[in-house]
């Protein structure tokens, strides 16, 4: 059984994920209960109010590596200082180096998602533009 260590590792990972699902489902149940109580209280004070018109508010998780707005400022600084179009991964690599953050796969993936969100937000405000590279990768530069 050469694969027994592989199966053991997979079983361990499955147990971990199943535990996370159980924890999150319990949290969902708690939040649904709280929401029901709020809905009932709203109906108590305003019975005609249509609760279906209330949209969920997006929540943000605080970054452990960046202060509020710091990632955006640093992204713009990188684009200004290097004075050439950069792909999001190049920006991520530069930020990891500048902030002395460990270059793990998880850190790279999370930061790249954040940087792409930042770049698209800046594009909507006409601060940066997308530039297609000859190699086909999407690059960004200051507008």
N, C-alpha and C. Protein backbone atom coordinates (compact mmCIF):
# COMPACT_ATOMS: atom_id res chain seq x y z
N UNK A 1 0.83 -1.19 0.00
CA UNK A 1 0.00 0.00 0.00
C UNK A 1 0.87 1.25 0.00
N UNK A 2 1.37 1.60 -1.14
CA UNK A 2 2.21 2.78 -1.26
C UNK A 2 1.40 4.06 -1.14
N UNK A 3 0.07 3.99 -1.40
CA UNK A 3 -0.76 5.17 -1.39
C UNK A 3 -1.40 5.44 -0.03
N UNK A 4 -1.12 4.64 0.99
CA UNK A 4 -1.79 4.80 2.28
C UNK A 4 -1.52 6.18 2.89
N UNK A 5 -0.32 6.72 2.72
CA UNK A 5 -0.04 8.05 3.25
C UNK A 5 -0.81 9.13 2.50
N UNK A 6 -1.06 8.89 1.21
CA UNK A 6 -1.84 9.83 0.42
C UNK A 6 -3.29 9.81 0.90
N UNK A 7 -3.83 8.61 1.06
CA UNK A 7 -5.21 8.48 1.52
C UNK A 7 -5.35 9.07 2.92
N UNK A 8 -4.38 8.83 3.77
CA UNK A 8 -4.40 9.37 5.13
C UNK A 8 -4.44 10.90 5.09
N UNK A 9 -3.62 11.48 4.25
CA UNK A 9 -3.61 12.94 4.11
C UNK A 9 -4.92 13.48 3.58
N UNK A 10 -5.49 12.78 2.60
CA UNK A 10 -6.78 13.21 2.03
C UNK A 10 -7.90 13.10 3.07
N UNK A 11 -7.89 12.03 3.85
CA UNK A 11 -8.89 11.87 4.91
C UNK A 11 -8.77 12.98 5.94
N UNK A 12 -7.55 13.32 6.30
CA UNK A 12 -7.33 14.39 7.26
C UNK A 12 -7.85 15.73 6.72
N UNK A 13 -7.58 16.00 5.46
CA UNK A 13 -8.05 17.25 4.85
C UNK A 13 -9.57 17.26 4.77
N UNK A 14 -10.18 16.10 4.46
CA UNK A 14 -11.64 16.01 4.40
C UNK A 14 -12.25 16.29 5.77
N UNK A 15 -11.66 15.74 6.82
CA UNK A 15 -12.15 15.99 8.18
C UNK A 15 -12.09 17.48 8.51
N UNK A 16 -11.00 18.11 8.12
CA UNK A 16 -10.81 19.54 8.37
C UNK A 16 -11.89 20.36 7.68
N UNK A 17 -12.13 20.08 6.41
CA UNK A 17 -13.13 20.84 5.64
C UNK A 17 -14.53 20.56 6.17
N UNK A 18 -14.83 19.32 6.51
CA UNK A 18 -16.14 18.99 7.07
C UNK A 18 -16.37 19.74 8.38
N UNK A 19 -15.32 19.86 9.19
CA UNK A 19 -15.43 20.63 10.43
C UNK A 19 -15.69 22.10 10.18
N UNK A 20 -15.03 22.65 9.16
CA UNK A 20 -15.25 24.05 8.81
C UNK A 20 -16.69 24.27 8.35
N UNK A 21 -17.20 23.32 7.56
CA UNK A 21 -18.59 23.43 7.07
C UNK A 21 -19.56 23.41 8.24
N UNK A 22 -19.34 22.51 9.19
CA UNK A 22 -20.21 22.42 10.37
C UNK A 22 -20.20 23.73 11.15
N UNK A 23 -19.02 24.29 11.35
CA UNK A 23 -18.89 25.55 12.08
C UNK A 23 -19.61 26.68 11.36
N UNK A 24 -19.43 26.76 10.05
CA UNK A 24 -20.05 27.83 9.27
C UNK A 24 -21.57 27.67 9.23
N UNK A 25 -22.05 26.42 9.11
CA UNK A 25 -23.49 26.19 9.13
C UNK A 25 -24.11 26.61 10.46
N UNK A 26 -23.40 26.36 11.56
CA UNK A 26 -23.90 26.79 12.87
C UNK A 26 -23.97 28.31 12.92
N UNK A 27 -22.97 28.98 12.37
CA UNK A 27 -22.97 30.45 12.33
C UNK A 27 -24.11 30.97 11.46
N UNK A 28 -24.37 30.30 10.33
CA UNK A 28 -25.49 30.69 9.46
C UNK A 28 -26.80 30.57 10.22
N UNK A 29 -26.98 29.47 10.96
CA UNK A 29 -28.20 29.28 11.74
C UNK A 29 -28.38 30.38 12.78
N UNK A 30 -27.28 30.74 13.46
CA UNK A 30 -27.34 31.81 14.45
C UNK A 30 -27.72 33.14 13.80
N UNK A 31 -27.12 33.44 12.64
CA UNK A 31 -27.41 34.70 11.95
C UNK A 31 -28.84 34.73 11.42
N UNK A 32 -29.33 33.59 10.92
CA UNK A 32 -30.71 33.54 10.44
C UNK A 32 -31.69 33.79 11.58
N UNK A 33 -31.37 33.26 12.76
CA UNK A 33 -32.21 33.51 13.93
C UNK A 33 -32.23 34.99 14.29
N UNK A 34 -31.05 35.61 14.27
CA UNK A 34 -30.96 37.04 14.57
C UNK A 34 -31.73 37.86 13.55
N UNK A 35 -31.66 37.46 12.27
CA UNK A 35 -32.37 38.17 11.21
C UNK A 35 -33.88 38.04 11.40
N UNK A 36 -34.34 36.86 11.78
CA UNK A 36 -35.77 36.65 12.04
C UNK A 36 -36.25 37.55 13.17
N UNK A 37 -35.46 37.66 14.24
CA UNK A 37 -35.82 38.55 15.35
C UNK A 37 -35.90 40.01 14.89
N UNK A 38 -34.93 40.43 14.07
CA UNK A 38 -34.97 41.80 13.56
C UNK A 38 -36.19 42.03 12.67
N UNK A 39 -36.47 41.07 11.79
CA UNK A 39 -37.63 41.18 10.91
C UNK A 39 -38.92 41.33 11.72
N UNK A 40 -39.05 40.50 12.76
CA UNK A 40 -40.24 40.56 13.60
C UNK A 40 -40.34 41.90 14.33
N UNK A 41 -39.21 42.44 14.76
CA UNK A 41 -39.21 43.73 15.45
C UNK A 41 -39.58 44.85 14.49
N UNK A 42 -39.07 44.79 13.26
CA UNK A 42 -39.43 45.79 12.24
C UNK A 42 -40.93 45.73 11.98
N UNK A 43 -41.48 44.54 11.85
CA UNK A 43 -42.91 44.37 11.59
C UNK A 43 -43.75 44.87 12.77
N UNK A 44 -43.20 44.78 13.97
CA UNK A 44 -43.90 45.27 15.15
C UNK A 44 -44.10 46.78 15.07
N UNK A 45 -43.06 47.48 14.61
CA UNK A 45 -43.11 48.94 14.54
C UNK A 45 -43.69 49.45 13.21
N UNK A 46 -43.54 48.66 12.13
CA UNK A 46 -44.03 49.08 10.83
C UNK A 46 -44.58 47.86 10.09
N UNK A 47 -45.82 47.47 10.39
CA UNK A 47 -46.37 46.23 9.82
C UNK A 47 -46.47 46.23 8.29
N UNK A 48 -46.56 47.40 7.67
CA UNK A 48 -46.71 47.46 6.22
C UNK A 48 -45.37 47.41 5.48
N UNK A 49 -44.27 47.48 6.20
CA UNK A 49 -42.95 47.53 5.55
C UNK A 49 -42.66 46.22 4.83
N UNK A 50 -42.24 46.31 3.55
CA UNK A 50 -41.91 45.13 2.76
C UNK A 50 -40.43 44.79 2.99
N UNK A 51 -40.18 43.76 3.76
CA UNK A 51 -38.81 43.38 4.10
C UNK A 51 -38.01 42.88 2.90
N UNK A 52 -38.69 42.49 1.84
CA UNK A 52 -37.99 42.01 0.63
C UNK A 52 -37.25 43.13 -0.08
N UNK A 53 -37.57 44.37 0.25
CA UNK A 53 -36.89 45.51 -0.39
C UNK A 53 -35.54 45.82 0.25
N UNK A 54 -35.24 45.17 1.37
CA UNK A 54 -33.98 45.43 2.07
C UNK A 54 -32.90 44.55 1.46
N UNK A 55 -31.88 45.19 0.93
CA UNK A 55 -30.77 44.46 0.32
C UNK A 55 -29.70 44.18 1.38
N UNK A 56 -28.99 43.08 1.18
CA UNK A 56 -27.88 42.77 2.07
C UNK A 56 -26.73 43.74 1.84
N UNK A 57 -26.07 44.10 2.92
CA UNK A 57 -24.93 45.01 2.83
C UNK A 57 -23.65 44.18 2.73
N UNK A 58 -22.82 44.52 1.80
CA UNK A 58 -21.57 43.80 1.62
C UNK A 58 -20.65 44.03 2.81
N UNK A 59 -20.06 42.96 3.28
CA UNK A 59 -19.13 43.08 4.40
C UNK A 59 -17.71 42.92 3.90
N UNK A 60 -16.81 43.56 4.58
CA UNK A 60 -15.40 43.51 4.21
C UNK A 60 -14.61 42.92 5.37
N UNK A 61 -13.63 42.11 5.02
CA UNK A 61 -12.75 41.60 6.06
C UNK A 61 -11.48 42.43 6.06
N UNK A 62 -11.01 42.73 7.22
CA UNK A 62 -9.82 43.56 7.36
C UNK A 62 -8.59 42.75 6.94
N UNK A 63 -7.75 43.36 6.15
CA UNK A 63 -6.51 42.72 5.72
C UNK A 63 -5.51 42.72 6.86
N UNK A 64 -4.81 41.60 7.01
CA UNK A 64 -3.80 41.54 8.06
C UNK A 64 -2.48 42.16 7.60
N UNK A 65 -2.35 42.41 6.30
CA UNK A 65 -1.09 42.93 5.76
C UNK A 65 -1.14 44.40 5.37
N UNK A 66 -2.33 44.95 5.16
CA UNK A 66 -2.44 46.32 4.67
C UNK A 66 -3.44 47.10 5.51
N UNK A 67 -3.13 48.36 5.75
CA UNK A 67 -4.08 49.26 6.39
C UNK A 67 -5.13 49.66 5.35
N UNK A 68 -6.17 50.30 5.80
CA UNK A 68 -7.25 50.73 4.90
C UNK A 68 -6.70 51.67 3.83
N UNK A 69 -6.88 51.32 2.56
CA UNK A 69 -6.45 52.14 1.43
C UNK A 69 -4.98 52.00 1.07
N UNK A 70 -4.22 51.29 1.89
CA UNK A 70 -2.78 51.19 1.66
C UNK A 70 -2.46 50.40 0.40
N UNK A 71 -3.19 49.31 0.15
CA UNK A 71 -2.91 48.49 -1.04
C UNK A 71 -3.15 49.30 -2.31
N UNK A 72 -4.19 50.12 -2.33
CA UNK A 72 -4.46 50.96 -3.50
C UNK A 72 -3.36 51.99 -3.69
N UNK A 73 -2.98 52.65 -2.61
CA UNK A 73 -1.90 53.65 -2.71
C UNK A 73 -0.61 53.01 -3.20
N UNK A 74 -0.28 51.85 -2.64
CA UNK A 74 0.96 51.18 -3.04
C UNK A 74 0.90 50.71 -4.49
N UNK A 75 -0.27 50.25 -4.94
CA UNK A 75 -0.43 49.83 -6.33
C UNK A 75 -0.17 51.00 -7.27
N UNK A 76 -0.76 52.14 -6.96
CA UNK A 76 -0.53 53.33 -7.78
C UNK A 76 0.93 53.76 -7.73
N UNK A 77 1.56 53.68 -6.57
CA UNK A 77 2.98 54.03 -6.46
C UNK A 77 3.84 53.12 -7.31
N UNK A 78 3.54 51.83 -7.30
CA UNK A 78 4.31 50.87 -8.11
C UNK A 78 4.18 51.22 -9.59
N UNK A 79 2.95 51.49 -10.04
CA UNK A 79 2.74 51.83 -11.45
C UNK A 79 3.44 53.14 -11.81
N UNK A 80 3.44 54.11 -10.90
CA UNK A 80 4.12 55.40 -11.16
C UNK A 80 5.64 55.24 -11.19
N UNK A 81 6.16 54.52 -10.22
CA UNK A 81 7.62 54.42 -10.07
C UNK A 81 8.25 53.56 -11.17
N UNK A 82 7.60 52.47 -11.54
CA UNK A 82 8.21 51.59 -12.54
C UNK A 82 7.97 52.09 -13.97
N UNK A 83 7.03 53.00 -14.14
CA UNK A 83 6.80 53.71 -15.41
C UNK A 83 6.69 52.78 -16.62
N UNK A 84 6.08 51.62 -16.42
CA UNK A 84 5.82 50.71 -17.53
C UNK A 84 4.56 49.93 -17.21
N UNK A 85 3.86 49.44 -18.23
CA UNK A 85 2.67 48.63 -17.96
C UNK A 85 3.05 47.34 -17.22
N UNK A 86 2.25 46.98 -16.21
CA UNK A 86 2.51 45.79 -15.40
C UNK A 86 1.25 44.94 -15.32
N UNK A 87 1.43 43.62 -15.29
CA UNK A 87 0.30 42.73 -15.05
C UNK A 87 0.08 42.66 -13.54
N UNK A 88 -1.07 42.15 -13.16
CA UNK A 88 -1.40 42.13 -11.73
C UNK A 88 -0.40 41.30 -10.93
N UNK A 89 0.12 40.23 -11.51
CA UNK A 89 1.08 39.40 -10.78
C UNK A 89 2.38 40.16 -10.52
N UNK A 90 2.81 40.98 -11.48
CA UNK A 90 4.01 41.79 -11.27
C UNK A 90 3.80 42.81 -10.15
N UNK A 91 2.60 43.37 -10.10
CA UNK A 91 2.28 44.31 -9.03
C UNK A 91 2.28 43.59 -7.69
N UNK A 92 1.69 42.40 -7.66
CA UNK A 92 1.64 41.59 -6.44
C UNK A 92 3.05 41.28 -5.95
N UNK A 93 3.91 40.84 -6.86
CA UNK A 93 5.28 40.52 -6.48
C UNK A 93 6.00 41.73 -5.88
N UNK A 94 5.76 42.89 -6.48
CA UNK A 94 6.39 44.12 -5.99
C UNK A 94 5.85 44.48 -4.60
N UNK A 95 4.55 44.34 -4.40
CA UNK A 95 3.96 44.65 -3.09
C UNK A 95 4.43 43.68 -2.02
N UNK A 96 4.53 42.40 -2.37
CA UNK A 96 5.02 41.41 -1.41
C UNK A 96 6.43 41.76 -0.96
N UNK A 97 7.25 42.18 -1.91
CA UNK A 97 8.63 42.55 -1.59
C UNK A 97 8.67 43.82 -0.73
N UNK A 98 7.89 44.83 -1.11
CA UNK A 98 7.90 46.10 -0.38
C UNK A 98 7.37 45.97 1.05
N UNK A 99 6.38 45.10 1.23
CA UNK A 99 5.79 44.92 2.56
C UNK A 99 6.45 43.77 3.33
N UNK A 100 7.41 43.11 2.69
CA UNK A 100 8.11 41.99 3.32
C UNK A 100 7.12 40.91 3.78
N UNK A 101 6.19 40.55 2.88
CA UNK A 101 5.19 39.52 3.14
C UNK A 101 5.69 38.23 2.51
N UNK A 102 5.49 37.13 3.23
CA UNK A 102 5.93 35.83 2.74
C UNK A 102 5.21 35.50 1.44
N UNK A 103 5.94 34.99 0.47
CA UNK A 103 5.41 34.72 -0.85
C UNK A 103 4.83 33.31 -0.94
N UNK A 104 3.77 33.05 -0.15
CA UNK A 104 3.09 31.75 -0.20
C UNK A 104 2.00 31.80 -1.26
N UNK A 105 1.58 30.64 -1.69
CA UNK A 105 0.52 30.58 -2.70
C UNK A 105 -0.74 31.28 -2.20
N UNK A 106 -1.12 31.05 -0.95
CA UNK A 106 -2.33 31.68 -0.40
C UNK A 106 -2.20 33.19 -0.39
N UNK A 107 -1.05 33.71 0.03
CA UNK A 107 -0.85 35.16 0.05
C UNK A 107 -0.90 35.75 -1.35
N UNK A 108 -0.29 35.05 -2.30
CA UNK A 108 -0.27 35.54 -3.69
C UNK A 108 -1.68 35.56 -4.26
N UNK A 109 -2.44 34.48 -4.07
CA UNK A 109 -3.80 34.39 -4.62
C UNK A 109 -4.69 35.47 -4.00
N UNK A 110 -4.67 35.61 -2.67
CA UNK A 110 -5.51 36.61 -2.00
C UNK A 110 -5.14 38.02 -2.41
N UNK A 111 -3.85 38.31 -2.45
CA UNK A 111 -3.42 39.66 -2.83
C UNK A 111 -3.74 39.95 -4.29
N UNK A 112 -3.60 38.95 -5.15
CA UNK A 112 -3.88 39.18 -6.56
C UNK A 112 -5.37 39.48 -6.76
N UNK A 113 -6.26 38.80 -6.03
CA UNK A 113 -7.69 39.12 -6.11
C UNK A 113 -7.93 40.56 -5.67
N UNK A 114 -7.30 40.94 -4.57
CA UNK A 114 -7.47 42.31 -4.08
C UNK A 114 -6.94 43.34 -5.07
N UNK A 115 -5.78 43.06 -5.64
CA UNK A 115 -5.18 44.01 -6.60
C UNK A 115 -6.04 44.14 -7.84
N UNK A 116 -6.58 43.02 -8.33
CA UNK A 116 -7.46 43.09 -9.50
C UNK A 116 -8.71 43.90 -9.20
N UNK A 117 -9.27 43.74 -8.01
CA UNK A 117 -10.43 44.53 -7.60
C UNK A 117 -10.06 46.01 -7.58
N UNK A 118 -8.91 46.31 -7.03
CA UNK A 118 -8.43 47.70 -6.96
C UNK A 118 -8.24 48.26 -8.37
N UNK A 119 -7.60 47.48 -9.24
CA UNK A 119 -7.34 47.96 -10.60
C UNK A 119 -8.64 48.22 -11.37
N UNK A 120 -9.61 47.34 -11.22
CA UNK A 120 -10.89 47.55 -11.90
C UNK A 120 -11.63 48.77 -11.35
N UNK A 121 -11.52 48.99 -10.05
CA UNK A 121 -12.11 50.19 -9.44
C UNK A 121 -11.42 51.44 -9.97
N UNK A 122 -10.10 51.41 -10.05
CA UNK A 122 -9.35 52.55 -10.58
C UNK A 122 -9.65 52.78 -12.06
N UNK A 123 -9.90 51.70 -12.79
CA UNK A 123 -10.24 51.82 -14.22
C UNK A 123 -11.58 52.54 -14.38
N UNK A 124 -12.55 52.22 -13.53
CA UNK A 124 -13.85 52.87 -13.60
C UNK A 124 -13.73 54.37 -13.34
N UNK A 125 -12.75 54.75 -12.53
CA UNK A 125 -12.54 56.16 -12.21
C UNK A 125 -11.54 56.82 -13.17
N UNK A 126 -11.16 56.10 -14.24
CA UNK A 126 -10.24 56.60 -15.27
C UNK A 126 -8.88 56.99 -14.71
N UNK A 127 -8.41 56.25 -13.70
CA UNK A 127 -7.09 56.51 -13.13
C UNK A 127 -6.06 55.59 -13.77
N UNK A 128 -6.45 54.36 -14.07
CA UNK A 128 -5.57 53.43 -14.78
C UNK A 128 -6.30 52.92 -16.02
N UNK A 129 -5.52 52.39 -16.96
CA UNK A 129 -6.10 51.78 -18.15
C UNK A 129 -5.46 50.42 -18.38
N UNK A 130 -6.19 49.58 -19.09
CA UNK A 130 -5.68 48.26 -19.44
C UNK A 130 -4.90 48.36 -20.76
N UNK A 131 -3.80 47.62 -20.80
CA UNK A 131 -2.98 47.58 -22.01
C UNK A 131 -2.76 46.13 -22.36
N UNK A 132 -3.09 45.73 -23.59
CA UNK A 132 -2.85 44.36 -24.01
C UNK A 132 -1.40 44.22 -24.43
N UNK A 133 -0.74 43.22 -23.90
CA UNK A 133 0.65 42.96 -24.23
C UNK A 133 0.69 42.04 -25.45
N UNK A 134 1.80 42.02 -26.16
CA UNK A 134 1.97 41.16 -27.32
C UNK A 134 1.81 39.69 -26.91
N UNK A 135 2.28 39.35 -25.71
CA UNK A 135 2.18 37.98 -25.22
C UNK A 135 0.77 37.58 -24.83
N UNK A 136 -0.16 38.52 -24.84
CA UNK A 136 -1.55 38.22 -24.52
C UNK A 136 -1.94 38.47 -23.08
N UNK A 137 -0.98 38.78 -22.20
CA UNK A 137 -1.35 39.05 -20.82
C UNK A 137 -1.83 40.49 -20.68
N UNK A 138 -2.77 40.70 -19.80
CA UNK A 138 -3.35 42.01 -19.60
C UNK A 138 -2.47 42.81 -18.66
N UNK A 139 -2.08 43.99 -19.09
CA UNK A 139 -1.23 44.84 -18.28
C UNK A 139 -1.95 46.14 -17.99
N UNK A 140 -1.49 46.83 -16.94
CA UNK A 140 -2.12 48.05 -16.47
C UNK A 140 -1.09 49.17 -16.41
N UNK A 141 -1.55 50.40 -16.66
CA UNK A 141 -0.70 51.56 -16.50
C UNK A 141 -1.54 52.76 -16.08
N UNK A 142 -0.87 53.77 -15.57
CA UNK A 142 -1.53 55.00 -15.16
C UNK A 142 -2.10 55.67 -16.41
N UNK A 143 -3.33 56.15 -16.32
CA UNK A 143 -3.99 56.79 -17.47
C UNK A 143 -3.35 58.12 -17.80
